Amino acid sequence: MMLVLSKLDLVGFHFCSAVCKSWQSIAIAAMRLRQFHLQPQLPWVFLSFLAVESHIGLYSYSHGKIFRLELLDQANDAQCFGSNWGWLIMAGEMAYNFLLNLLTKKLIEVPPQSTLPDYPYPPGSLIRHNYIRKAIMSSSPVLDDYVVIAIYDKHCLAFCKPGDEMWLTFQTYNFDLEDIIFYDGKLYMPLLTNVILDLWS
């Protein structure tokens, strides 16, 4: 069964895990194995004009098809500031942050933006602009040992782990950060010169 699952892409994997409870348990067990990887696939494109009535539209180049997925109530009017491993990193009202898997509808809370250093908005205020510019995860939340890294206030990095109640400052730079990415256990930032940050050892 593991061999079959390893031949599937993301859509096939979730279709397979939805067959019955026993197949779902096998799929969950597979995702917890570090050596298990789904087949590589092209990213899906978010179609903003289809984001109506608690649904969003995603186009898959691999399948040549638009998938309309229903959102949880918490995700309505929320903004996405990062996505990887099949999860969205989102910010809702009152700077409430969470991870959302669109296929399984699972939601995981992460610390609110108001716990970031020098947060510029009053507690409990309804903000229109995110203090976080971009965020990514080191691994799938299914593994329970992931880290969320965020660019905030344009030139600062913060991180949180499962169960944390606040963001922790990771690094501050004297230049603006545009993007970050994890690869092979390291955090990369695209700059004029190559910069590689080793994660905590």
C-alpha atoms as a PDB file:
ATOM      1  CA  MET A   1       0.000   0.000   0.000  1.00  0.00           C
ATOM      2  CA  MET A   2       2.859   2.383   0.791  1.00  0.00           C
ATOM      3  CA  LEU A   3       4.369   1.680  -2.635  1.00  0.00           C
ATOM      4  CA  VAL A   4       1.048   2.504  -4.302  1.00  0.00           C
ATOM      5  CA  LEU A   5       0.711   5.742  -2.335  1.00  0.00           C
ATOM      6  CA  SER A   6       4.242   6.818  -3.267  1.00  0.00           C
ATOM      7  CA  LYS A   7       3.266   6.712  -6.958  1.00  0.00           C
ATOM      8  CA  LEU A   8       0.420   9.203  -6.487  1.00  0.00           C
ATOM      9  CA  ASP A   9       0.324  12.965  -6.731  1.00  0.00           C
ATOM     10  CA  LEU A  10      -1.423  15.142  -4.153  1.00  0.00           C
ATOM     11  CA  VAL A  11      -4.904  14.760  -5.641  1.00  0.00           C
ATOM     12  CA  GLY A  12      -4.613  10.995  -6.051  1.00  0.00           C
ATOM     13  CA  PHE A  13      -3.239  10.678  -2.528  1.00  0.00           C
ATOM     14  CA  HIS A  14      -6.218  12.460  -0.980  1.00  0.00           C
ATOM     15  CA  PHE A  15      -8.701  10.584  -3.167  1.00  0.00           C
ATOM     16  CA  CYS A  16      -7.105   7.358  -1.955  1.00  0.00           C
ATOM     17  CA  SER A  17      -7.175   8.420   1.699  1.00  0.00           C
ATOM     18  CA  ALA A  18     -10.899   9.246   1.384  1.00  0.00           C
ATOM     19  CA  VAL A  19     -11.890   5.687   0.392  1.00  0.00           C
ATOM     20  CA  CYS A  20     -12.367   4.436   3.950  1.00  0.00           C
ATOM     21  CA  LYS A  21     -11.017   4.843   7.496  1.00  0.00           C
ATOM     22  CA  SER A  22      -8.438   2.074   7.145  1.00  0.00           C
ATOM     23  CA  TRP A  23      -6.996   3.620   3.963  1.00  0.00           C
ATOM     24  CA  GLN A  24      -7.009   7.001   5.656  1.00  0.00           C
ATOM     25  CA  SER A  25      -4.991   5.638   8.578  1.00  0.00           C
ATOM     26  CA  ILE A  26      -2.449   4.184   6.128  1.00  0.00           C
ATOM     27  CA  ALA A  27      -2.184   7.537   4.358  1.00  0.00           C
ATOM     28  CA  ILE A  28      -1.611   9.340   7.673  1.00  0.00           C
ATOM     29  CA  ALA A  29       1.040   6.787   8.646  1.00  0.00           C
ATOM     30  CA  ALA A  30       2.746   7.291   5.283  1.00  0.00           C
ATOM     31  CA  MET A  31       2.925  11.062   5.760  1.00  0.00           C
ATOM     32  CA  ARG A  32       4.611  10.556   9.138  1.00  0.00           C
ATOM     33  CA  LEU A  33       7.476   8.632   7.531  1.00  0.00           C
ATOM     34  CA  ARG A  34      10.318  10.953   6.638  1.00  0.00           C
ATOM     35  CA  GLN A  35      11.373   8.765   3.693  1.00  0.00           C
ATOM     36  CA  PHE A  36       7.890   8.903   2.185  1.00  0.00           C
ATOM     37  CA  HIS A  37       7.405  11.481  -0.575  1.00  0.00           C
ATOM     38  CA  LEU A  38       4.590  12.048  -3.027  1.00  0.00           C
ATOM     39  CA  GLN A  39       5.338  12.424  -6.715  1.00  0.00           C
ATOM     40  CA  PRO A  40       6.568  15.948  -7.582  1.00  0.00           C
ATOM     41  CA  GLN A  41       3.961  18.175  -9.149  1.00  0.00           C
ATOM     42  CA  LEU A  42       3.574  21.682 -10.462  1.00  0.00           C
ATOM     43  CA  PRO A  43       2.141  24.273  -8.059  1.00  0.00           C
ATOM     44  CA  TRP A  44      -1.567  25.027  -8.268  1.00  0.00           C
ATOM     45  CA  VAL A  45      -2.697  28.504  -9.314  1.00  0.00           C
ATOM     46  CA  PHE A  46      -5.108  30.361  -7.062  1.00  0.00           C
ATOM     47  CA  LEU A  47      -7.962  31.860  -9.105  1.00  0.00           C
ATOM     48  CA  SER A  48      -9.116  34.889  -7.140  1.00  0.00           C
ATOM     49  CA  PHE A  49     -12.160  35.506  -9.342  1.00  0.00           C
ATOM     50  CA  LEU A  50     -13.569  32.158  -8.178  1.00  0.00           C
ATOM     51  CA  ALA A  51     -13.134  32.973  -4.483  1.00  0.00           C
ATOM     52  CA  VAL A  52     -16.819  33.516  -3.758  1.00  0.00           C
ATOM     53  CA  GLU A  53     -19.467  32.033  -1.510  1.00  0.00           C
ATOM     54  CA  SER A  54     -17.008  30.378   0.901  1.00  0.00           C
ATOM     55  CA  HIS A  55     -15.228  28.575  -1.972  1.00  0.00           C
ATOM     56  CA  ILE A  56     -11.929  29.114  -3.726  1.00  0.00           C
ATOM     57  CA  GLY A  57     -10.799  28.010  -7.159  1.00  0.00           C
ATOM     58  CA  LEU A  58      -7.459  26.303  -7.806  1.00  0.00           C
ATOM     59  CA  TYR A  59      -6.168  25.359 -11.244  1.00  0.00           C
ATOM     60  CA  SER A  60      -3.940  22.288 -11.614  1.00  0.00           C
ATOM     61  CA  TYR A  61      -1.665  22.330 -14.665  1.00  0.00           C
ATOM     62  CA  SER A  62      -0.980  18.622 -14.199  1.00  0.00           C
ATOM     63  CA  HIS A  63      -4.672  17.718 -14.388  1.00  0.00           C
ATOM     64  CA  GLY A  64      -5.796  20.541 -16.667  1.00  0.00           C
ATOM     65  CA  LYS A  65      -8.660  21.095 -14.281  1.00  0.00           C
ATOM     66  CA  ILE A  66     -10.085  23.669 -11.867  1.00  0.00           C
ATOM     67  CA  PHE A  67     -10.800  22.411  -8.360  1.00  0.00           C
ATOM     68  CA  ARG A  68     -13.378  24.333  -6.323  1.00  0.00           C
ATOM     69  CA  LEU A  69     -12.757  23.810  -2.628  1.00  0.00           C
ATOM     70  CA  GLU A  70     -14.943  24.872   0.255  1.00  0.00           C
ATOM     71  CA  LEU A  71     -13.383  27.045   2.938  1.00  0.00           C
ATOM     72  CA  LEU A  72     -13.905  26.826   6.676  1.00  0.00           C
ATOM     73  CA  ASP A  73     -15.763  29.718   8.280  1.00  0.00           C
ATOM     74  CA  GLN A  74     -12.517  30.887   9.909  1.00  0.00           C
ATOM     75  CA  ALA A  75     -10.889  31.257   6.476  1.00  0.00           C
ATOM     76  CA  ASN A  76     -13.555  33.567   5.045  1.00  0.00           C
ATOM     77  CA  ASP A  77     -12.014  37.004   4.393  1.00  0.00           C
ATOM     78  CA  ALA A  78      -8.648  35.719   5.692  1.00  0.00           C
ATOM     79  CA  GLN A  79      -5.434  36.588   3.854  1.00  0.00           C
ATOM     80  CA  CYS A  80      -2.823  34.040   2.811  1.00  0.00           C
ATOM     81  CA  PHE A  81       0.826  34.975   3.304  1.00  0.00           C
ATOM     82  CA  GLY A  82       2.490  31.644   2.571  1.00  0.00           C
ATOM     83  CA  SER A  83       1.948  28.133   1.281  1.00  0.00           C
ATOM     84  CA  ASN A  84       3.927  24.910   1.152  1.00  0.00           C
ATOM     85  CA  TRP A  85       3.502  21.192   1.885  1.00  0.00           C
ATOM     86  CA  GLY A  86      -0.131  21.508   0.763  1.00  0.00           C
ATOM     87  CA  TRP A  87      -0.987  23.954   3.574  1.00  0.00           C
ATOM     88  CA  LEU A  88      -1.891  27.642   3.565  1.00  0.00           C
ATOM     89  CA  ILE A  89      -0.546  30.012   6.212  1.00  0.00           C
ATOM     90  CA  MET A  90      -3.321  32.517   6.826  1.00  0.00           C
ATOM     91  CA  ALA A  91      -4.233  35.578   8.872  1.00  0.00           C
ATOM     92  CA  GLY A  92      -7.808  36.327   9.831  1.00  0.00           C
ATOM     93  CA  GLU A  93      -9.501  39.033  11.884  1.00  0.00           C
ATOM     94  CA  MET A  94      -7.808  40.401  15.010  1.00  0.00           C
ATOM     95  CA  ALA A  95      -4.426  39.188  13.648  1.00  0.00           C
ATOM     96  CA  TYR A  96      -5.511  35.575  14.263  1.00  0.00           C
ATOM     97  CA  ASN A  97      -3.093  33.225  12.448  1.00  0.00           C
ATOM     98  CA  PHE A  98      -3.599  29.614  11.413  1.00  0.00           C
ATOM     99  CA  LEU A  99      -2.459  26.837   9.086  1.00  0.00           C
ATOM    100  CA  LEU A 100      -5.121  25.387   6.798  1.00  0.00           C
ATOM    101  CA  ASN A 101      -5.141  22.231   4.688  1.00  0.00           C
ATOM    102  CA  LEU A 102      -7.693  22.856   1.940  1.00  0.00           C
ATOM    103  CA  LEU A 103      -8.212  19.182   1.139  1.00  0.00           C
ATOM    104  CA  THR A 104      -8.596  17.785   4.668  1.00  0.00           C
ATOM    105  CA  LYS A 105     -10.082  21.014   6.148  1.00  0.00           C
ATOM    106  CA  LYS A 106      -7.725  20.655   9.106  1.00  0.00           C
ATOM    107  CA  LEU A 107      -6.875  23.916  10.865  1.00  0.00           C
ATOM    108  CA  ILE A 108      -3.926  24.464  13.218  1.00  0.00           C
ATOM    109  CA  GLU A 109      -3.573  27.669  15.208  1.00  0.00           C
ATOM    110  CA  VAL A 110      -0.245  29.497  15.300  1.00  0.00           C
ATOM    111  CA  PRO A 111       0.616  32.505  17.494  1.00  0.00           C
ATOM    112  CA  PRO A 112      -1.185  35.746  16.558  1.00  0.00           C
ATOM    113  CA  GLN A 113       0.722  38.539  14.861  1.00  0.00           C
ATOM    114  CA  SER A 114       0.196  40.673  17.949  1.00  0.00           C
ATOM    115  CA  THR A 115       2.867  38.608  19.748  1.00  0.00           C
ATOM    116  CA  LEU A 116       5.569  39.750  17.281  1.00  0.00           C
ATOM    117  CA  PRO A 117       8.069  42.317  18.582  1.00  0.00           C
ATOM    118  CA  ASP A 118       7.111  45.979  18.010  1.00  0.00           C
ATOM    119  CA  TYR A 119       3.645  45.040  16.743  1.00  0.00           C
ATOM    120  CA  PRO A 120       2.266  48.416  15.559  1.00  0.00           C
ATOM    121  CA  TYR A 121      -1.486  47.896  16.118  1.00  0.00           C
ATOM    122  CA  PRO A 122      -3.473  48.122  19.389  1.00  0.00           C
ATOM    123  CA  PRO A 123      -4.448  44.736  20.921  1.00  0.00           C
ATOM    124  CA  GLY A 124      -7.715  43.411  19.518  1.00  0.00           C
ATOM    125  CA  SER A 125      -7.813  45.911  16.654  1.00  0.00           C
ATOM    126  CA  LEU A 126      -9.189  44.906  13.268  1.00  0.00           C
ATOM    127  CA  ILE A 127      -6.211  45.344  10.945  1.00  0.00           C
ATOM    128  CA  ARG A 128      -6.281  45.591   7.174  1.00  0.00           C
ATOM    129  CA  HIS A 129      -2.576  45.043   6.532  1.00  0.00           C
ATOM    130  CA  ASN A 130      -0.551  42.094   7.740  1.00  0.00           C
ATOM    131  CA  TYR A 131       2.551  42.726   9.794  1.00  0.00           C
ATOM    132  CA  ILE A 132       3.845  39.439   8.347  1.00  0.00           C
ATOM    133  CA  ARG A 133       5.053  39.679   4.756  1.00  0.00           C
ATOM    134  CA  LYS A 134       5.755  36.009   4.038  1.00  0.00           C
ATOM    135  CA  ALA A 135       5.824  32.713   5.984  1.00  0.00           C
ATOM    136  CA  ILE A 136       6.792  29.123   5.222  1.00  0.00           C
ATOM    137  CA  MET A 137       7.037  25.803   7.054  1.00  0.00           C
ATOM    138  CA  SER A 138      10.119  23.619   7.408  1.00  0.00           C
ATOM    139  CA  SER A 139       8.096  20.413   6.938  1.00  0.00           C
ATOM    140  CA  SER A 140       4.517  19.192   6.799  1.00  0.00           C
ATOM    141  CA  PRO A 141       2.490  19.819   9.979  1.00  0.00           C
ATOM    142  CA  VAL A 142       1.560  16.115   9.829  1.00  0.00           C
ATOM    143  CA  LEU A 143       5.045  15.368  11.204  1.00  0.00           C
ATOM    144  CA  ASP A 144       4.465  17.480  14.346  1.00  0.00           C
ATOM    145  CA  ASP A 145       8.087  18.694  14.377  1.00  0.00           C
ATOM    146  CA  TYR A 146       7.782  21.523  11.881  1.00  0.00           C
ATOM    147  CA  VAL A 147       8.806  25.147  12.319  1.00  0.00           C
ATOM    148  CA  VAL A 148       7.030  28.176  10.853  1.00  0.00           C
ATOM    149  CA  ILE A 149       9.405  30.965   9.781  1.00  0.00           C
ATOM    150  CA  ALA A 150       7.998  34.427   9.001  1.00  0.00           C
ATOM    151  CA  ILE A 151       9.294  37.675   7.536  1.00  0.00           C
ATOM    152  CA  TYR A 152       7.767  40.544   9.476  1.00  0.00           C
ATOM    153  CA  ASP A 153       8.265  44.298   9.471  1.00  0.00           C
ATOM    154  CA  LYS A 154      10.135  43.895   6.117  1.00  0.00           C
ATOM    155  CA  HIS A 155      13.548  43.043   7.560  1.00  0.00           C
ATOM    156  CA  CYS A 156      13.024  40.705  10.524  1.00  0.00           C
ATOM    157  CA  LEU A 157      12.630  36.941  10.901  1.00  0.00           C
ATOM    158  CA  ALA A 158      10.643  35.144  13.592  1.00  0.00           C
ATOM    159  CA  PHE A 159       9.720  31.519  14.173  1.00  0.00           C
ATOM    160  CA  CYS A 160       7.284  29.386  16.103  1.00  0.00           C
ATOM    161  CA  LYS A 161       6.918  25.671  16.806  1.00  0.00           C
ATOM    162  CA  PRO A 162       3.803  23.581  17.516  1.00  0.00           C
ATOM    163  CA  GLY A 163       2.269  24.636  20.835  1.00  0.00           C
ATOM    164  CA  ASP A 164       4.049  27.998  21.024  1.00  0.00           C
ATOM    165  CA  GLU A 165       1.874  30.875  22.211  1.00  0.00           C
ATOM    166  CA  MET A 166       4.056  33.624  20.771  1.00  0.00           C
ATOM    167  CA  TRP A 167       6.499  34.238  17.935  1.00  0.00           C
ATOM    168  CA  LEU A 168      10.199  34.250  18.797  1.00  0.00           C
ATOM    169  CA  THR A 169      12.642  36.614  17.095  1.00  0.00           C
ATOM    170  CA  PHE A 170      15.068  34.725  14.912  1.00  0.00           C
ATOM    171  CA  GLN A 171      17.146  37.378  13.145  1.00  0.00           C
ATOM    172  CA  THR A 172      17.035  41.052  12.151  1.00  0.00           C
ATOM    173  CA  TYR A 173      18.773  42.491   9.086  1.00  0.00           C
ATOM    174  CA  ASN A 174      19.565  45.986   7.847  1.00  0.00           C
ATOM    175  CA  PHE A 175      17.959  45.278   4.464  1.00  0.00           C
ATOM    176  CA  ASP A 176      14.481  44.331   3.313  1.00  0.00           C
ATOM    177  CA  LEU A 177      13.686  40.620   2.959  1.00  0.00           C
ATOM    178  CA  GLU A 178      11.592  39.672  -0.069  1.00  0.00           C
ATOM    179  CA  ASP A 179      11.383  35.883   0.193  1.00  0.00           C
ATOM    180  CA  ILE A 180      12.567  32.794   2.091  1.00  0.00           C
ATOM    181  CA  ILE A 181      12.613  29.098   1.276  1.00  0.00           C
ATOM    182  CA  PHE A 182      13.629  25.868   2.996  1.00  0.00           C
ATOM    183  CA  TYR A 183      15.820  23.374   1.182  1.00  0.00           C
ATOM    184  CA  ASP A 184      17.760  20.427   2.585  1.00  0.00           C
ATOM    185  CA  GLY A 185      17.519  21.626   6.188  1.00  0.00           C
ATOM    186  CA  LYS A 186      18.660  25.168   5.438  1.00  0.00           C
ATOM    187  CA  LEU A 187      16.849  28.470   5.141  1.00  0.00           C
ATOM    188  CA  TYR A 188      17.634  30.415   1.967  1.00  0.00           C
ATOM    189  CA  MET A 189      17.000  34.093   1.251  1.00  0.00           C
ATOM    190  CA  PRO A 190      17.302  35.352  -2.363  1.00  0.00           C
ATOM    191  CA  LEU A 191      19.555  38.405  -2.260  1.00  0.00           C
ATOM    192  CA  LEU A 192      22.134  40.058  -4.482  1.00  0.00           C
ATOM    193  CA  THR A 193      24.640  37.769  -2.795  1.00  0.00           C
ATOM    194  CA  ASN A 194      23.793  34.228  -1.777  1.00  0.00           C
ATOM    195  CA  VAL A 195      22.891  33.954   1.882  1.00  0.00           C
ATOM    196  CA  ILE A 196      22.305  30.599   3.568  1.00  0.00           C
ATOM    197  CA  LEU A 197      21.214  30.263   7.166  1.00  0.00           C
ATOM    198  CA  ASP A 198      21.769  26.933   8.881  1.00  0.00           C
ATOM    199  CA  LEU A 199      18.799  25.995  11.020  1.00  0.00           C
ATOM    200  CA  TRP A 200      19.398  25.420  14.711  1.00  0.00           C
ATOM    201  CA  SER A 201      21.544  22.350  15.197  1.00  0.00           C
END
